[in-house]
PDB file of N, CA and C in Angstrom:
ATOM      1  N   UNK A   1     108.411 100.302  69.423  1.00  0.00           N
ATOM      2  CA  UNK A   1     107.805  98.989  69.446  1.00  0.00           C
ATOM      3  C   UNK A   1     107.635  98.516  68.007  1.00  0.00           C
ATOM      4  N   UNK A   2     107.958  97.273  67.775  1.00  0.00           N
ATOM      5  CA  UNK A   2     107.818  96.763  66.413  1.00  0.00           C
ATOM      6  C   UNK A   2     106.342  96.599  66.064  1.00  0.00           C
ATOM      7  N   UNK A   3     106.054  96.656  64.773  1.00  0.00           N
ATOM      8  CA  UNK A   3     104.692  96.497  64.304  1.00  0.00           C
ATOM      9  C   UNK A   3     104.087  95.169  64.722  1.00  0.00           C
ATOM     10  N   UNK A   4     104.889  94.122  64.679  1.00  0.00           N
ATOM     11  CA  UNK A   4     104.380  92.797  65.027  1.00  0.00           C
ATOM     12  C   UNK A   4     104.021  92.712  66.514  1.00  0.00           C
ATOM     13  N   UNK A   5     104.876  93.243  67.374  1.00  0.00           N
ATOM     14  CA  UNK A   5     104.586  93.221  68.806  1.00  0.00           C
ATOM     15  C   UNK A   5     103.330  94.041  69.099  1.00  0.00           C
ATOM     16  N   UNK A   6     103.225  95.192  68.478  1.00  0.00           N
ATOM     17  CA  UNK A   6     102.039  96.028  68.676  1.00  0.00           C
ATOM     18  C   UNK A   6     100.782  95.278  68.261  1.00  0.00           C
ATOM     19  N   UNK A   7     100.824  94.627  67.123  1.00  0.00           N
ATOM     20  CA  UNK A   7      99.672  93.839  66.665  1.00  0.00           C
ATOM     21  C   UNK A   7      99.345  92.728  67.651  1.00  0.00           C
ATOM     22  N   UNK A   8     100.355  92.058  68.168  1.00  0.00           N
ATOM     23  CA  UNK A   8     100.129  90.971  69.138  1.00  0.00           C
ATOM     24  C   UNK A   8      99.495  91.504  70.417  1.00  0.00           C
ATOM     25  N   UNK A   9      99.990  92.638  70.885  1.00  0.00           N
ATOM     26  CA  UNK A   9      99.438  93.206  72.121  1.00  0.00           C
ATOM     27  C   UNK A   9      97.990  93.637  71.930  1.00  0.00           C
ATOM     28  N   UNK A  10      97.688  94.319  70.823  1.00  0.00           N
ATOM     29  CA  UNK A  10      96.305  94.714  70.552  1.00  0.00           C
ATOM     30  C   UNK A  10      95.415  93.491  70.395  1.00  0.00           C
ATOM     31  N   UNK A  11      95.924  92.474  69.752  1.00  0.00           N
ATOM     32  CA  UNK A  11      95.160  91.251  69.548  1.00  0.00           C
ATOM     33  C   UNK A  11      94.837  90.577  70.891  1.00  0.00           C
ATOM     34  N   UNK A  12      95.772  90.655  71.807  1.00  0.00           N
ATOM     35  CA  UNK A  12      95.595  90.003  73.108  1.00  0.00           C
ATOM     36  C   UNK A  12      94.520  90.675  73.958  1.00  0.00           C
ATOM     37  N   UNK A  13      94.231  91.941  73.688  1.00  0.00           N
ATOM     38  CA  UNK A  13      93.249  92.657  74.515  1.00  0.00           C
ATOM     39  C   UNK A  13      91.968  92.992  73.764  1.00  0.00           C
ATOM     40  N   UNK A  14      91.760  92.389  72.621  1.00  0.00           N
ATOM     41  CA  UNK A  14      90.592  92.715  71.799  1.00  0.00           C
ATOM     42  C   UNK A  14      89.289  92.631  72.586  1.00  0.00           C
ATOM     43  N   UNK A  15      89.071  91.543  73.305  1.00  0.00           N
ATOM     44  CA  UNK A  15      87.826  91.381  74.073  1.00  0.00           C
ATOM     45  C   UNK A  15      87.657  92.450  75.127  1.00  0.00           C
ATOM     46  N   UNK A  16      88.724  92.740  75.873  1.00  0.00           N
ATOM     47  CA  UNK A  16      88.656  93.772  76.915  1.00  0.00           C
ATOM     48  C   UNK A  16      88.413  95.140  76.300  1.00  0.00           C
ATOM     49  N   UNK A  17      89.117  95.442  75.229  1.00  0.00           N
ATOM     50  CA  UNK A  17      88.965  96.740  74.571  1.00  0.00           C
ATOM     51  C   UNK A  17      87.539  96.913  74.049  1.00  0.00           C
ATOM     52  N   UNK A  18      87.020  95.886  73.414  1.00  0.00           N
ATOM     53  CA  UNK A  18      85.652  95.950  72.891  1.00  0.00           C
ATOM     54  C   UNK A  18      84.642  96.180  74.012  1.00  0.00           C
ATOM     55  N   UNK A  19      84.853  95.522  75.153  1.00  0.00           N
ATOM     56  CA  UNK A  19      83.944  95.698  76.291  1.00  0.00           C
ATOM     57  C   UNK A  19      84.021  97.120  76.844  1.00  0.00           C
ATOM     58  N   UNK A  20      85.212  97.690  76.861  1.00  0.00           N
ATOM     59  CA  UNK A  20      85.373  99.065  77.347  1.00  0.00           C
ATOM     60  C   UNK A  20      84.640 100.035  76.433  1.00  0.00           C
ATOM     61  N   UNK A  21      84.807  99.869  75.143  1.00  0.00           N
ATOM     62  CA  UNK A  21      84.220 100.792  74.171  1.00  0.00           C
ATOM     63  C   UNK A  21      82.690 100.818  74.247  1.00  0.00           C
ATOM     64  N   UNK A  22      82.057  99.702  74.576  1.00  0.00           N
ATOM     65  CA  UNK A  22      80.591  99.660  74.637  1.00  0.00           C
ATOM     66  C   UNK A  22      80.049  99.799  76.062  1.00  0.00           C
ATOM     67  N   UNK A  23      80.926 100.051  77.025  1.00  0.00           N
ATOM     68  CA  UNK A  23      80.459 100.221  78.407  1.00  0.00           C
ATOM     69  C   UNK A  23      79.545 101.445  78.473  1.00  0.00           C
ATOM     70  N   UNK A  24      78.434 101.345  79.225  1.00  0.00           N
ATOM     71  CA  UNK A  24      77.483 102.460  79.284  1.00  0.00           C
ATOM     72  C   UNK A  24      78.107 103.794  79.712  1.00  0.00           C
ATOM     73  N   UNK A  25      79.063 103.767  80.626  1.00  0.00           N
ATOM     74  CA  UNK A  25      79.703 105.017  81.033  1.00  0.00           C
ATOM     75  C   UNK A  25      80.381 105.685  79.840  1.00  0.00           C
ATOM     76  N   UNK A  26      81.116 104.907  79.072  1.00  0.00           N
ATOM     77  CA  UNK A  26      81.845 105.443  77.917  1.00  0.00           C
ATOM     78  C   UNK A  26      80.885 105.905  76.828  1.00  0.00           C
ATOM     79  N   UNK A  27      79.883 105.099  76.522  1.00  0.00           N
ATOM     80  CA  UNK A  27      78.964 105.482  75.443  1.00  0.00           C
ATOM     81  C   UNK A  27      78.163 106.729  75.825  1.00  0.00           C
ATOM     82  N   UNK A  28      77.754 106.817  77.098  1.00  0.00           N
ATOM     83  CA  UNK A  28      76.997 107.994  77.525  1.00  0.00           C
ATOM     84  C   UNK A  28      77.891 109.228  77.609  1.00  0.00           C
ATOM     85  N   UNK A  29      79.143 109.033  77.997  1.00  0.00           N
ATOM     86  CA  UNK A  29      80.091 110.150  77.996  1.00  0.00           C
ATOM     87  C   UNK A  29      80.286 110.660  76.574  1.00  0.00           C
ATOM     88  N   UNK A  30      80.436 109.725  75.648  1.00  0.00           N
ATOM     89  CA  UNK A  30      80.673 110.086  74.246  1.00  0.00           C
ATOM     90  C   UNK A  30      79.470 110.783  73.607  1.00  0.00           C
ATOM     91  N   UNK A  31      78.266 110.338  73.955  1.00  0.00           N
ATOM     92  CA  UNK A  31      77.101 110.943  73.292  1.00  0.00           C
ATOM     93  C   UNK A  31      76.491 112.106  74.088  1.00  0.00           C
ATOM     94  N   UNK A  32      77.101 112.432  75.219  1.00  0.00           N
ATOM     95  CA  UNK A  32      76.651 113.582  75.993  1.00  0.00           C
ATOM     96  C   UNK A  32      75.488 113.319  76.930  1.00  0.00           C
ATOM     97  N   UNK A  33      75.097 112.052  77.096  1.00  0.00           N
ATOM     98  CA  UNK A  33      73.953 111.754  77.951  1.00  0.00           C
ATOM     99  C   UNK A  33      74.337 111.317  79.363  1.00  0.00           C
ATOM    100  N   UNK A  34      75.627 111.306  79.675  1.00  0.00           N
ATOM    101  CA  UNK A  34      76.069 110.924  81.016  1.00  0.00           C
ATOM    102  C   UNK A  34      75.650 112.017  82.001  1.00  0.00           C
ATOM    103  N   UNK A  35      74.972 111.632  83.092  1.00  0.00           N
ATOM    104  CA  UNK A  35      74.568 112.648  84.072  1.00  0.00           C
ATOM    105  C   UNK A  35      75.801 113.361  84.657  1.00  0.00           C
ATOM    106  N   UNK A  36      75.658 114.651  84.926  1.00  0.00           N
ATOM    107  CA  UNK A  36      76.773 115.429  85.461  1.00  0.00           C
ATOM    108  C   UNK A  36      77.271 114.832  86.770  1.00  0.00           C
ATOM    109  N   UNK A  37      76.376 114.302  87.605  1.00  0.00           N
ATOM    110  CA  UNK A  37      76.781 113.709  88.881  1.00  0.00           C
ATOM    111  C   UNK A  37      77.710 112.517  88.660  1.00  0.00           C
ATOM    112  N   UNK A  38      77.431 111.708  87.644  1.00  0.00           N
ATOM    113  CA  UNK A  38      78.285 110.561  87.335  1.00  0.00           C
ATOM    114  C   UNK A  38      79.656 111.024  86.862  1.00  0.00           C
ATOM    115  N   UNK A  39      79.672 112.056  86.022  1.00  0.00           N
ATOM    116  CA  UNK A  39      80.940 112.580  85.542  1.00  0.00           C
ATOM    117  C   UNK A  39      81.735 113.196  86.688  1.00  0.00           C
ATOM    118  N   UNK A  40      81.058 113.955  87.557  1.00  0.00           N
ATOM    119  CA  UNK A  40      81.738 114.577  88.695  1.00  0.00           C
ATOM    120  C   UNK A  40      82.339 113.513  89.601  1.00  0.00           C
ATOM    121  N   UNK A  41      81.627 112.426  89.845  1.00  0.00           N
ATOM    122  CA  UNK A  41      82.159 111.343  90.674  1.00  0.00           C
ATOM    123  C   UNK A  41      83.389 110.723  90.020  1.00  0.00           C
ATOM    124  N   UNK A  42      83.330 110.485  88.718  1.00  0.00           N
ATOM    125  CA  UNK A  42      84.466 109.931  87.993  1.00  0.00           C
ATOM    126  C   UNK A  42      85.682 110.859  88.093  1.00  0.00           C
ATOM    127  N   UNK A  43      85.462 112.144  87.856  1.00  0.00           N
ATOM    128  CA  UNK A  43      86.558 113.103  87.898  1.00  0.00           C
ATOM    129  C   UNK A  43      87.163 113.158  89.295  1.00  0.00           C
ATOM    130  N   UNK A  44      86.323 113.135  90.306  1.00  0.00           N
ATOM    131  CA  UNK A  44      86.797 113.147  91.681  1.00  0.00           C
ATOM    132  C   UNK A  44      87.666 111.928  91.972  1.00  0.00           C
ATOM    133  N   UNK A  45      87.194 110.763  91.597  1.00  0.00           N
ATOM    134  CA  UNK A  45      87.968 109.539  91.815  1.00  0.00           C
ATOM    135  C   UNK A  45      89.286 109.574  91.051  1.00  0.00           C
ATOM    136  N   UNK A  46      89.253 110.096  89.840  1.00  0.00           N
ATOM    137  CA  UNK A  46      90.457 110.196  89.033  1.00  0.00           C
ATOM    138  C   UNK A  46      91.456 111.155  89.675  1.00  0.00           C
ATOM    139  N   UNK A  47      90.968 112.273  90.188  1.00  0.00           N
ATOM    140  CA  UNK A  47      91.840 113.247  90.841  1.00  0.00           C
ATOM    141  C   UNK A  47      92.515 112.631  92.059  1.00  0.00           C
ATOM    142  N   UNK A  48      91.757 111.893  92.848  1.00  0.00           N
ATOM    143  CA  UNK A  48      92.334 111.247  94.027  1.00  0.00           C
ATOM    144  C   UNK A  48      93.395 110.222  93.625  1.00  0.00           C
ATOM    145  N   UNK A  49      93.099 109.443  92.612  1.00  0.00           N
ATOM    146  CA  UNK A  49      94.066 108.461  92.116  1.00  0.00           C
ATOM    147  C   UNK A  49      95.338 109.152  91.626  1.00  0.00           C
ATOM    148  N   UNK A  50      95.176 110.184  90.823  1.00  0.00           N
ATOM    149  CA  UNK A  50      96.339 110.863  90.251  1.00  0.00           C
ATOM    150  C   UNK A  50      97.186 111.545  91.318  1.00  0.00           C
ATOM    151  N   UNK A  51      96.571 112.053  92.377  1.00  0.00           N
ATOM    152  CA  UNK A  51      97.350 112.642  93.464  1.00  0.00           C
ATOM    153  C   UNK A  51      98.241 111.587  94.108  1.00  0.00           C
ATOM    154  N   UNK A  52      97.667 110.442  94.413  1.00  0.00           N
ATOM    155  CA  UNK A  52      98.468 109.383  95.033  1.00  0.00           C
ATOM    156  C   UNK A  52      99.506 108.828  94.065  1.00  0.00           C
ATOM    157  N   UNK A  53      99.157 108.754  92.804  1.00  0.00           N
ATOM    158  CA  UNK A  53     100.111 108.291  91.793  1.00  0.00           C
ATOM    159  C   UNK A  53     101.292 109.255  91.701  1.00  0.00           C
ATOM    160  N   UNK A  54     101.010 110.551  91.703  1.00  0.00           N
ATOM    161  CA  UNK A  54     102.081 111.545  91.656  1.00  0.00           C
ATOM    162  C   UNK A  54     102.960 111.450  92.895  1.00  0.00           C
ATOM    163  N   UNK A  55     102.357 111.200  94.049  1.00  0.00           N
ATOM    164  CA  UNK A  55     103.159 111.025  95.275  1.00  0.00           C
ATOM    165  C   UNK A  55     104.052 109.791  95.156  1.00  0.00           C
ATOM    166  N   UNK A  56     103.507 108.722  94.607  1.00  0.00           N
ATOM    167  CA  UNK A  56     104.311 107.510  94.427  1.00  0.00           C
ATOM    168  C   UNK A  56     105.471 107.765  93.471  1.00  0.00           C
ATOM    169  N   UNK A  57     105.207 108.483  92.383  1.00  0.00           N
ATOM    170  CA  UNK A  57     106.289 108.822  91.446  1.00  0.00           C
ATOM    171  C   UNK A  57     107.355 109.660  92.129  1.00  0.00           C
ATOM    172  N   UNK A  58     106.939 110.612  92.942  1.00  0.00           N
ATOM    173  CA  UNK A  58     107.908 111.453  93.648  1.00  0.00           C
ATOM    174  C   UNK A  58     108.746 110.614  94.607  1.00  0.00           C
ATOM    175  N   UNK A  59     108.114 109.662  95.289  1.00  0.00           N
ATOM    176  CA  UNK A  59     108.856 108.810  96.221  1.00  0.00           C
ATOM    177  C   UNK A  59     109.886 107.963  95.483  1.00  0.00           C
ATOM    178  N   UNK A  60     109.497 107.406  94.369  1.00  0.00           N
ATOM    179  CA  UNK A  60     110.427 106.600  93.572  1.00  0.00           C
ATOM    180  C   UNK A  60     111.539 107.484  93.010  1.00  0.00           C
ATOM    181  N   UNK A  61     111.165 108.647  92.489  1.00  0.00           N
ATOM    182  CA  UNK A  61     112.151 109.551  91.895  1.00  0.00           C
ATOM    183  C   UNK A  61     113.161 110.022  92.928  1.00  0.00           C
ATOM    184  N   UNK A  62     112.722 110.211  94.175  1.00  0.00           N
ATOM    185  CA  UNK A  62     113.642 110.685  95.204  1.00  0.00           C
ATOM    186  C   UNK A  62     114.711 109.649  95.532  1.00  0.00           C
ATOM    187  N   UNK A  63     114.466 108.407  95.206  1.00  0.00           N
ATOM    188  CA  UNK A  63     115.430 107.332  95.473  1.00  0.00           C
ATOM    189  C   UNK A  63     116.249 106.952  94.238  1.00  0.00           C
ATOM    190  N   UNK A  64     115.901 107.540  93.126  1.00  0.00           N
ATOM    191  CA  UNK A  64     116.563 107.200  91.864  1.00  0.00           C
ATOM    192  C   UNK A  64     117.940 107.842  91.803  1.00  0.00           C
ATOM    193  N   UNK A  65     118.905 107.106  91.260  1.00  0.00           N
ATOM    194  CA  UNK A  65     120.205 107.734  91.059  1.00  0.00           C
ATOM    195  C   UNK A  65     120.070 108.773  89.946  1.00  0.00           C
ATOM    196  N   UNK A  66     120.659 109.891  90.121  1.00  0.00           N
ATOM    197  CA  UNK A  66     120.581 110.908  89.084  1.00  0.00           C
ATOM    198  C   UNK A  66     120.160 112.247  89.642  1.00  0.00           C
ATOM    199  N   UNK A  67     119.861 113.165  88.767  1.00  0.00           N
ATOM    200  CA  UNK A  67     119.576 114.537  89.187  1.00  0.00           C
ATOM    201  C   UNK A  67     118.297 114.660  90.004  1.00  0.00           C
ATOM    202  N   UNK A  68     118.320 115.641  90.886  1.00  0.00           N
ATOM    203  CA  UNK A  68     117.161 115.898  91.739  1.00  0.00           C
ATOM    204  C   UNK A  68     115.969 116.395  90.928  1.00  0.00           C
ATOM    205  N   UNK A  69     116.190 116.775  89.693  1.00  0.00           N
ATOM    206  CA  UNK A  69     115.107 117.253  88.840  1.00  0.00           C
ATOM    207  C   UNK A  69     114.031 116.214  88.604  1.00  0.00           C
ATOM    208  N   UNK A  70     114.388 114.936  88.761  1.00  0.00           N
ATOM    209  CA  UNK A  70     113.389 113.878  88.588  1.00  0.00           C
ATOM    210  C   UNK A  70     112.277 114.064  89.613  1.00  0.00           C
ATOM    211  N   UNK A  71     112.665 114.317  90.856  1.00  0.00           N
ATOM    212  CA  UNK A  71     111.675 114.499  91.909  1.00  0.00           C
ATOM    213  C   UNK A  71     110.853 115.755  91.661  1.00  0.00           C
ATOM    214  N   UNK A  72     111.499 116.825  91.256  1.00  0.00           N
ATOM    215  CA  UNK A  72     110.775 118.060  91.002  1.00  0.00           C
ATOM    216  C   UNK A  72     109.780 117.888  89.863  1.00  0.00           C
ATOM    217  N   UNK A  73     110.133 117.087  88.889  1.00  0.00           N
ATOM    218  CA  UNK A  73     109.222 116.823  87.785  1.00  0.00           C
ATOM    219  C   UNK A  73     107.937 116.181  88.296  1.00  0.00           C
ATOM    220  N   UNK A  74     108.059 115.232  89.220  1.00  0.00           N
ATOM    221  CA  UNK A  74     106.884 114.574  89.786  1.00  0.00           C
ATOM    222  C   UNK A  74     106.047 115.559  90.583  1.00  0.00           C
ATOM    223  N   UNK A  75     106.702 116.444  91.321  1.00  0.00           N
ATOM    224  CA  UNK A  75     105.961 117.438  92.094  1.00  0.00           C
ATOM    225  C   UNK A  75     105.235 118.417  91.184  1.00  0.00           C
ATOM    226  N   UNK A  76     105.872 118.803  90.098  1.00  0.00           N
ATOM    227  CA  UNK A  76     105.206 119.701  89.151  1.00  0.00           C
ATOM    228  C   UNK A  76     103.982 119.025  88.553  1.00  0.00           C
ATOM    229  N   UNK A  77     104.091 117.723  88.249  1.00  0.00           N
ATOM    230  CA  UNK A  77     102.955 116.990  87.689  1.00  0.00           C
ATOM    231  C   UNK A  77     101.810 116.953  88.688  1.00  0.00           C
ATOM    232  N   UNK A  78     102.117 116.732  89.962  1.00  0.00           N
ATOM    233  CA  UNK A  78     101.083 116.734  90.996  1.00  0.00           C
ATOM    234  C   UNK A  78     100.404 118.101  91.043  1.00  0.00           C
ATOM    235  N   UNK A  79     101.193 119.177  90.992  1.00  0.00           N
ATOM    236  CA  UNK A  79     100.625 120.528  91.020  1.00  0.00           C
ATOM    237  C   UNK A  79      99.732 120.771  89.810  1.00  0.00           C
ATOM    238  N   UNK A  80     100.201 120.389  88.620  1.00  0.00           N
ATOM    239  CA  UNK A  80      99.398 120.595  87.414  1.00  0.00           C
ATOM    240  C   UNK A  80      98.103 119.812  87.482  1.00  0.00           C
ATOM    241  N   UNK A  81      98.189 118.568  87.947  1.00  0.00           N
ATOM    242  CA  UNK A  81      96.997 117.724  88.051  1.00  0.00           C
ATOM    243  C   UNK A  81      96.006 118.326  89.026  1.00  0.00           C
ATOM    244  N   UNK A  82      96.495 118.729  90.207  1.00  0.00           N
ATOM    245  CA  UNK A  82      95.616 119.305  91.217  1.00  0.00           C
ATOM    246  C   UNK A  82      94.990 120.597  90.707  1.00  0.00           C
ATOM    247  N   UNK A  83      95.777 121.454  90.075  1.00  0.00           N
ATOM    248  CA  UNK A  83      95.257 122.720  89.556  1.00  0.00           C
ATOM    249  C   UNK A  83      94.193 122.491  88.498  1.00  0.00           C
ATOM    250  N   UNK A  84      94.421 121.533  87.610  1.00  0.00           N
ATOM    251  CA  UNK A  84      93.456 121.239  86.546  1.00  0.00           C
ATOM    252  C   UNK A  84      92.133 120.776  87.148  1.00  0.00           C
ATOM    253  N   UNK A  85      92.214 119.883  88.148  1.00  0.00           N
ATOM    254  CA  UNK A  85      90.990 119.389  88.750  1.00  0.00           C
ATOM    255  C   UNK A  85      90.303 120.464  89.580  1.00  0.00           C
ATOM    256  N   UNK A  86      91.061 121.303  90.247  1.00  0.00           N
ATOM    257  CA  UNK A  86      90.424 122.376  91.003  1.00  0.00           C
ATOM    258  C   UNK A  86      89.641 123.298  90.074  1.00  0.00           C
ATOM    259  N   UNK A  87      90.181 123.596  88.891  1.00  0.00           N
ATOM    260  CA  UNK A  87      89.442 124.416  87.919  1.00  0.00           C
ATOM    261  C   UNK A  87      88.176 123.691  87.467  1.00  0.00           C
ATOM    262  N   UNK A  88      88.306 122.402  87.204  1.00  0.00           N
ATOM    263  CA  UNK A  88      87.143 121.636  86.753  1.00  0.00           C
ATOM    264  C   UNK A  88      86.089 121.570  87.850  1.00  0.00           C
ATOM    265  N   UNK A  89      86.516 121.324  89.092  1.00  0.00           N
ATOM    266  CA  UNK A  89      85.558 121.264  90.186  1.00  0.00           C
ATOM    267  C   UNK A  89      84.891 122.622  90.415  1.00  0.00           C
ATOM    268  N   UNK A  90      85.651 123.692  90.245  1.00  0.00           N
ATOM    269  CA  UNK A  90      85.075 125.028  90.390  1.00  0.00           C
ATOM    270  C   UNK A  90      83.979 125.217  89.342  1.00  0.00           C
ATOM    271  N   UNK A  91      84.261 124.776  88.136  1.00  0.00           N
ATOM    272  CA  UNK A  91      83.269 124.878  87.074  1.00  0.00           C
ATOM    273  C   UNK A  91      82.039 124.028  87.372  1.00  0.00           C
ATOM    274  N   UNK A  92      82.237 122.920  88.082  1.00  0.00           N
ATOM    275  CA  UNK A  92      81.116 122.034  88.415  1.00  0.00           C
ATOM    276  C   UNK A  92      80.562 122.337  89.801  1.00  0.00           C
ATOM    277  N   UNK A  93      81.011 123.449  90.415  1.00  0.00           N
ATOM    278  CA  UNK A  93      80.550 123.856  91.749  1.00  0.00           C
ATOM    279  C   UNK A  93      80.824 122.771  92.775  1.00  0.00           C
ATOM    280  N   UNK A  94      82.013 122.205  92.737  1.00  0.00           N
ATOM    281  CA  UNK A  94      82.413 121.158  93.694  1.00  0.00           C
ATOM    282  C   UNK A  94      83.720 121.618  94.343  1.00  0.00           C
ATOM    283  N   UNK A  95      83.689 121.921  95.626  1.00  0.00           N
ATOM    284  CA  UNK A  95      84.866 122.441  96.312  1.00  0.00           C
ATOM    285  C   UNK A  95      85.808 121.312  96.720  1.00  0.00           C
ATOM    286  N   UNK A  96      87.100 121.617  96.734  1.00  0.00           N
ATOM    287  CA  UNK A  96      88.095 120.614  97.100  1.00  0.00           C
ATOM    288  C   UNK A  96      87.859 120.077  98.497  1.00  0.00           C
ATOM    289  N   UNK A  97      87.333 120.888  99.391  1.00  0.00           N
ATOM    290  CA  UNK A  97      87.067 120.434 100.753  1.00  0.00           C
ATOM    291  C   UNK A  97      86.071 119.278 100.783  1.00  0.00           C
ATOM    292  N   UNK A  98      85.284 119.151  99.724  1.00  0.00           N
ATOM    293  CA  UNK A  98      84.288 118.078  99.697  1.00  0.00           C
ATOM    294  C   UNK A  98      84.859 116.787  99.116  1.00  0.00           C
ATOM    295  N   UNK A  99      86.138 116.797  98.693  1.00  0.00           N
ATOM    296  CA  UNK A  99      86.754 115.577  98.189  1.00  0.00           C
ATOM    297  C   UNK A  99      86.855 114.575  99.319  1.00  0.00           C
ATOM    298  N   UNK A 100      86.604 113.297  99.055  1.00  0.00           N
ATOM    299  CA  UNK A 100      86.793 112.297 100.114  1.00  0.00           C
ATOM    300  C   UNK A 100      88.258 112.214 100.513  1.00  0.00           C
ATOM    301  N   UNK A 101      88.498 111.878 101.764  1.00  0.00           N
ATOM    302  CA  UNK A 101      89.885 111.750 102.257  1.00  0.00           C
ATOM    303  C   UNK A 101      90.542 110.490 101.726  1.00  0.00           C
TER     304      UNK A 101
END
């Protein structure tokens, strides 16, 4: 990406970016004052999103012209994502069975 385009894109989102940086969730996460329950809920929602995103990538990859490795790459990403979250949930005493459907 050219420097000028990058500057234009960052300039276009300045207000949104500034609002994100000062959002209470972000500031409390950064300073360590975010309640564990809030973080656990965020992680859970993120895990659910990433699972569906990985499935969508696999579906698109399976239709793409080219090597079948594209699809396997998406499946590996889903496995890595799920494994990472399962470890995190184990550390937070949150079982996968308790994830919302």
